[in-house]
Amino acid sequence: METATPDSISNLVHRILEIKDGETVIDCCSGIASFLMNSAQAQPNVTYVGVEINLWVATVASIKAKLSGYNISITKDNCFNYASLGYKYDKAFSNHPFNMRIRMLNDGSEIMEKLQSSVPELMKATSADWLFTYSCLNMLKEKGKAVAVMTL
């Protein structure tokens, strides 16, 4: 199981997002908070939030965040539930699990219904990349910006 975003990807995403002081940033499948830590080192005056479903990985990320001294919080949840809470962010990132199919997900049925009403061509056999990305986009403020790592 991969739980860390490589530094090269984290740095590229940070530059693409153009994170500025005072903004809020969400990492929808944060793993051990690699992207959040790299971004906080480059741009410390930002509120960073990570959402991670795996308890052990979220615990490691929380410890790293606390020890770093940066404004990083980690929530143990899945990104579909978290997206439904209505929080909005200036910037969003998702490096979600690859090779998942929508039918493999236990959660996300509510967001799947919303997505299917917008894009009726999606089916249960469709890559879950679209569901993760849709959840990420739903957490953006009106003029927000997001990056999602996806498979072809």
C-alpha atoms as a PDB file:
ATOM      1  CA  MET A   1       0.000   0.000   0.000  1.00  0.00           C
ATOM      2  CA  GLU A   2       1.421   3.355  -1.074  1.00  0.00           C
ATOM      3  CA  THR A   3       0.824   6.073   1.514  1.00  0.00           C
ATOM      4  CA  ALA A   4       3.237   8.821   0.491  1.00  0.00           C
ATOM      5  CA  THR A   5       3.167  11.246  -2.405  1.00  0.00           C
ATOM      6  CA  PRO A   6       6.689  11.481  -3.881  1.00  0.00           C
ATOM      7  CA  ASP A   7       8.465  14.785  -3.206  1.00  0.00           C
ATOM      8  CA  SER A   8       8.727  15.511  -6.932  1.00  0.00           C
ATOM      9  CA  ILE A   9       4.922  15.277  -7.301  1.00  0.00           C
ATOM     10  CA  SER A  10       4.315  17.268  -4.085  1.00  0.00           C
ATOM     11  CA  ASN A  11       6.609  20.065  -5.251  1.00  0.00           C
ATOM     12  CA  LEU A  12       5.042  20.163  -8.724  1.00  0.00           C
ATOM     13  CA  VAL A  13       1.503  20.272  -7.285  1.00  0.00           C
ATOM     14  CA  HIS A  14       2.499  23.011  -4.843  1.00  0.00           C
ATOM     15  CA  ARG A  15       3.757  25.140  -7.749  1.00  0.00           C
ATOM     16  CA  ILE A  16       0.652  24.438  -9.876  1.00  0.00           C
ATOM     17  CA  LEU A  17      -1.706  25.355  -7.032  1.00  0.00           C
ATOM     18  CA  GLU A  18       0.158  28.615  -6.321  1.00  0.00           C
ATOM     19  CA  ILE A  19      -0.629  28.439  -2.598  1.00  0.00           C
ATOM     20  CA  LYS A  20      -0.630  31.853  -0.920  1.00  0.00           C
ATOM     21  CA  ASP A  21      -0.525  33.059   2.701  1.00  0.00           C
ATOM     22  CA  GLY A  22      -3.865  32.855   4.500  1.00  0.00           C
ATOM     23  CA  GLU A  23      -5.367  30.209   2.210  1.00  0.00           C
ATOM     24  CA  THR A  24      -6.864  26.873   3.178  1.00  0.00           C
ATOM     25  CA  VAL A  25      -5.648  23.662   1.537  1.00  0.00           C
ATOM     26  CA  ILE A  26      -7.162  20.157   1.656  1.00  0.00           C
ATOM     27  CA  ASP A  27      -5.440  16.895   0.759  1.00  0.00           C
ATOM     28  CA  CYS A  28      -8.311  14.488   0.135  1.00  0.00           C
ATOM     29  CA  CYS A  29      -6.365  11.211   0.524  1.00  0.00           C
ATOM     30  CA  SER A  30      -3.467  12.515   2.540  1.00  0.00           C
ATOM     31  CA  GLY A  31      -1.608   9.328   3.437  1.00  0.00           C
ATOM     32  CA  ILE A  32       1.290  10.184   5.752  1.00  0.00           C
ATOM     33  CA  ALA A  33       0.894  13.895   4.899  1.00  0.00           C
ATOM     34  CA  SER A  34       3.843  14.149   2.493  1.00  0.00           C
ATOM     35  CA  PHE A  35       2.203  16.781   0.292  1.00  0.00           C
ATOM     36  CA  LEU A  36       0.977  18.754   3.307  1.00  0.00           C
ATOM     37  CA  MET A  37       4.408  18.731   4.967  1.00  0.00           C
ATOM     38  CA  ASN A  38       6.214  19.782   1.776  1.00  0.00           C
ATOM     39  CA  SER A  39       3.718  22.566   1.136  1.00  0.00           C
ATOM     40  CA  ALA A  40       3.849  23.780   4.737  1.00  0.00           C
ATOM     41  CA  GLN A  41       7.645  24.002   4.557  1.00  0.00           C
ATOM     42  CA  ALA A  42       7.379  26.162   1.437  1.00  0.00           C
ATOM     43  CA  GLN A  43       4.303  28.150   2.541  1.00  0.00           C
ATOM     44  CA  PRO A  44       3.911  28.020   6.349  1.00  0.00           C
ATOM     45  CA  ASN A  45       1.202  30.696   6.783  1.00  0.00           C
ATOM     46  CA  VAL A  46      -1.580  28.480   5.449  1.00  0.00           C
ATOM     47  CA  THR A  47      -4.176  26.206   7.064  1.00  0.00           C
ATOM     48  CA  TYR A  48      -3.635  22.640   5.845  1.00  0.00           C
ATOM     49  CA  VAL A  49      -6.131  19.792   6.286  1.00  0.00           C
ATOM     50  CA  GLY A  50      -5.588  16.136   5.452  1.00  0.00           C
ATOM     51  CA  VAL A  51      -8.267  13.459   5.216  1.00  0.00           C
ATOM     52  CA  GLU A  52      -7.112   9.836   5.476  1.00  0.00           C
ATOM     53  CA  ILE A  53      -9.281   6.733   5.813  1.00  0.00           C
ATOM     54  CA  ASN A  54      -6.650   4.363   7.229  1.00  0.00           C
ATOM     55  CA  LEU A  55      -6.409   4.708  11.027  1.00  0.00           C
ATOM     56  CA  TRP A  56      -2.724   3.793  11.297  1.00  0.00           C
ATOM     57  CA  VAL A  57      -1.678   6.018   8.420  1.00  0.00           C
ATOM     58  CA  ALA A  58      -3.787   8.905   9.779  1.00  0.00           C
ATOM     59  CA  THR A  59      -2.137   8.434  13.189  1.00  0.00           C
ATOM     60  CA  VAL A  60       1.363   8.636  11.679  1.00  0.00           C
ATOM     61  CA  ALA A  61       0.312  11.735   9.702  1.00  0.00           C
ATOM     62  CA  SER A  62      -1.143  13.353  12.845  1.00  0.00           C
ATOM     63  CA  ILE A  63       2.072  12.754  14.784  1.00  0.00           C
ATOM     64  CA  LYS A  64       4.154  14.212  11.938  1.00  0.00           C
ATOM     65  CA  ALA A  65       1.833  17.229  11.750  1.00  0.00           C
ATOM     66  CA  LYS A  66       2.017  17.894  15.507  1.00  0.00           C
ATOM     67  CA  LEU A  67       5.802  17.569  15.588  1.00  0.00           C
ATOM     68  CA  SER A  68       6.219  19.854  12.582  1.00  0.00           C
ATOM     69  CA  GLY A  69       4.749  22.906  14.280  1.00  0.00           C
ATOM     70  CA  TYR A  70       2.894  23.847  11.093  1.00  0.00           C
ATOM     71  CA  ASN A  71      -0.852  24.477  10.932  1.00  0.00           C
ATOM     72  CA  ILE A  72      -1.717  20.967   9.700  1.00  0.00           C
ATOM     73  CA  SER A  73      -4.651  18.923  10.952  1.00  0.00           C
ATOM     74  CA  ILE A  74      -5.427  15.345   9.971  1.00  0.00           C
ATOM     75  CA  THR A  75      -8.928  13.869  10.046  1.00  0.00           C
ATOM     76  CA  LYS A  76      -9.510  10.115  10.026  1.00  0.00           C
ATOM     77  CA  ASP A  77     -12.386   9.808   7.562  1.00  0.00           C
ATOM     78  CA  ASN A  78     -13.018   8.934   3.948  1.00  0.00           C
ATOM     79  CA  CYS A  79     -13.045  11.788   1.471  1.00  0.00           C
ATOM     80  CA  PHE A  80     -16.649  11.068   0.408  1.00  0.00           C
ATOM     81  CA  ASN A  81     -18.048  11.530   3.920  1.00  0.00           C
ATOM     82  CA  TYR A  82     -15.806  14.519   4.529  1.00  0.00           C
ATOM     83  CA  ALA A  83     -16.881  16.169   1.262  1.00  0.00           C
ATOM     84  CA  SER A  84     -20.519  15.900   2.353  1.00  0.00           C
ATOM     85  CA  LEU A  85     -19.813  18.022   5.468  1.00  0.00           C
ATOM     86  CA  GLY A  86     -19.716  21.178   3.360  1.00  0.00           C
ATOM     87  CA  TYR A  87     -16.264  22.540   4.220  1.00  0.00           C
ATOM     88  CA  LYS A  88     -14.766  24.689   1.451  1.00  0.00           C
ATOM     89  CA  TYR A  89     -11.097  25.271   0.649  1.00  0.00           C
ATOM     90  CA  ASP A  90      -9.065  27.577  -1.573  1.00  0.00           C
ATOM     91  CA  LYS A  91      -6.910  24.744  -2.899  1.00  0.00           C
ATOM     92  CA  ALA A  92      -7.355  20.975  -3.055  1.00  0.00           C
ATOM     93  CA  PHE A  93      -5.167  17.987  -3.872  1.00  0.00           C
ATOM     94  CA  SER A  94      -5.961  14.313  -4.330  1.00  0.00           C
ATOM     95  CA  ASN A  95      -3.476  11.498  -4.829  1.00  0.00           C
ATOM     96  CA  HIS A  96      -6.072   8.803  -4.242  1.00  0.00           C
ATOM     97  CA  PRO A  97      -5.688   5.004  -4.595  1.00  0.00           C
ATOM     98  CA  PHE A  98      -5.281   3.786  -8.182  1.00  0.00           C
ATOM     99  CA  ASN A  99      -6.998   0.847  -9.875  1.00  0.00           C
ATOM    100  CA  MET A 100     -10.174   1.033  -7.839  1.00  0.00           C
ATOM    101  CA  ARG A 101     -13.562   0.630  -9.443  1.00  0.00           C
ATOM    102  CA  ILE A 102     -16.645   2.389  -8.146  1.00  0.00           C
ATOM    103  CA  ARG A 103     -18.234  -0.980  -7.333  1.00  0.00           C
ATOM    104  CA  MET A 104     -15.302  -1.684  -4.947  1.00  0.00           C
ATOM    105  CA  LEU A 105     -16.161   1.270  -2.720  1.00  0.00           C
ATOM    106  CA  ASN A 106     -18.321   0.739   0.340  1.00  0.00           C
ATOM    107  CA  ASP A 107     -18.790   4.452   0.888  1.00  0.00           C
ATOM    108  CA  GLY A 108     -19.538   7.225  -1.508  1.00  0.00           C
ATOM    109  CA  SER A 109     -23.008   6.165  -2.665  1.00  0.00           C
ATOM    110  CA  GLU A 110     -24.441   9.643  -2.020  1.00  0.00           C
ATOM    111  CA  ILE A 111     -21.682  11.362  -3.981  1.00  0.00           C
ATOM    112  CA  MET A 112     -21.991   8.696  -6.687  1.00  0.00           C
ATOM    113  CA  GLU A 113     -25.672   9.574  -7.128  1.00  0.00           C
ATOM    114  CA  LYS A 114     -24.790  13.263  -7.499  1.00  0.00           C
ATOM    115  CA  LEU A 115     -22.026  12.464  -9.951  1.00  0.00           C
ATOM    116  CA  GLN A 116     -24.242  10.150 -12.013  1.00  0.00           C
ATOM    117  CA  SER A 117     -26.902  12.844 -12.286  1.00  0.00           C
ATOM    118  CA  SER A 118     -24.213  15.155 -13.685  1.00  0.00           C
ATOM    119  CA  VAL A 119     -22.499  12.499 -15.815  1.00  0.00           C
ATOM    120  CA  PRO A 120     -24.988   9.693 -16.547  1.00  0.00           C
ATOM    121  CA  GLU A 121     -22.424   7.779 -18.633  1.00  0.00           C
ATOM    122  CA  LEU A 122     -20.633   6.648 -15.461  1.00  0.00           C
ATOM    123  CA  MET A 123     -21.293   3.106 -14.330  1.00  0.00           C
ATOM    124  CA  LYS A 124     -20.265   0.950 -11.386  1.00  0.00           C
ATOM    125  CA  ALA A 125     -17.390  -0.448 -13.485  1.00  0.00           C
ATOM    126  CA  THR A 126     -15.988   3.040 -14.042  1.00  0.00           C
ATOM    127  CA  SER A 127     -12.678   3.967 -12.427  1.00  0.00           C
ATOM    128  CA  ALA A 128     -13.139   5.423  -8.965  1.00  0.00           C
ATOM    129  CA  ASP A 129     -10.699   8.188  -9.975  1.00  0.00           C
ATOM    130  CA  TRP A 130     -13.711  10.199 -11.126  1.00  0.00           C
ATOM    131  CA  LEU A 131     -15.471   9.813  -7.792  1.00  0.00           C
ATOM    132  CA  PHE A 132     -12.405  10.853  -5.791  1.00  0.00           C
ATOM    133  CA  THR A 133     -11.822  13.827  -8.098  1.00  0.00           C
ATOM    134  CA  TYR A 134     -15.478  14.881  -7.964  1.00  0.00           C
ATOM    135  CA  SER A 135     -15.335  14.812  -4.145  1.00  0.00           C
ATOM    136  CA  CYS A 136     -12.181  16.908  -4.210  1.00  0.00           C
ATOM    137  CA  LEU A 137     -13.747  19.474  -6.557  1.00  0.00           C
ATOM    138  CA  ASN A 138     -16.861  19.702  -4.357  1.00  0.00           C
ATOM    139  CA  MET A 139     -14.683  20.975  -1.506  1.00  0.00           C
ATOM    140  CA  LEU A 140     -13.443  24.009  -3.427  1.00  0.00           C
ATOM    141  CA  LYS A 141     -14.483  27.587  -2.849  1.00  0.00           C
ATOM    142  CA  GLU A 142     -15.930  29.353  -5.901  1.00  0.00           C
ATOM    143  CA  LYS A 143     -12.568  30.476  -7.303  1.00  0.00           C
ATOM    144  CA  GLY A 144     -10.641  27.508  -5.911  1.00  0.00           C
ATOM    145  CA  LYS A 145      -8.057  25.412  -7.695  1.00  0.00           C
ATOM    146  CA  ALA A 146      -7.460  21.653  -7.533  1.00  0.00           C
ATOM    147  CA  VAL A 147      -5.013  19.030  -8.739  1.00  0.00           C
ATOM    148  CA  ALA A 148      -5.814  15.311  -8.817  1.00  0.00           C
ATOM    149  CA  VAL A 149      -3.399  12.545  -9.765  1.00  0.00           C
ATOM    150  CA  MET A 150      -5.301  10.100 -11.995  1.00  0.00           C
ATOM    151  CA  THR A 151      -4.720   7.074 -14.162  1.00  0.00           C
ATOM    152  CA  LEU A 152      -5.409   7.059 -17.884  1.00  0.00           C
END
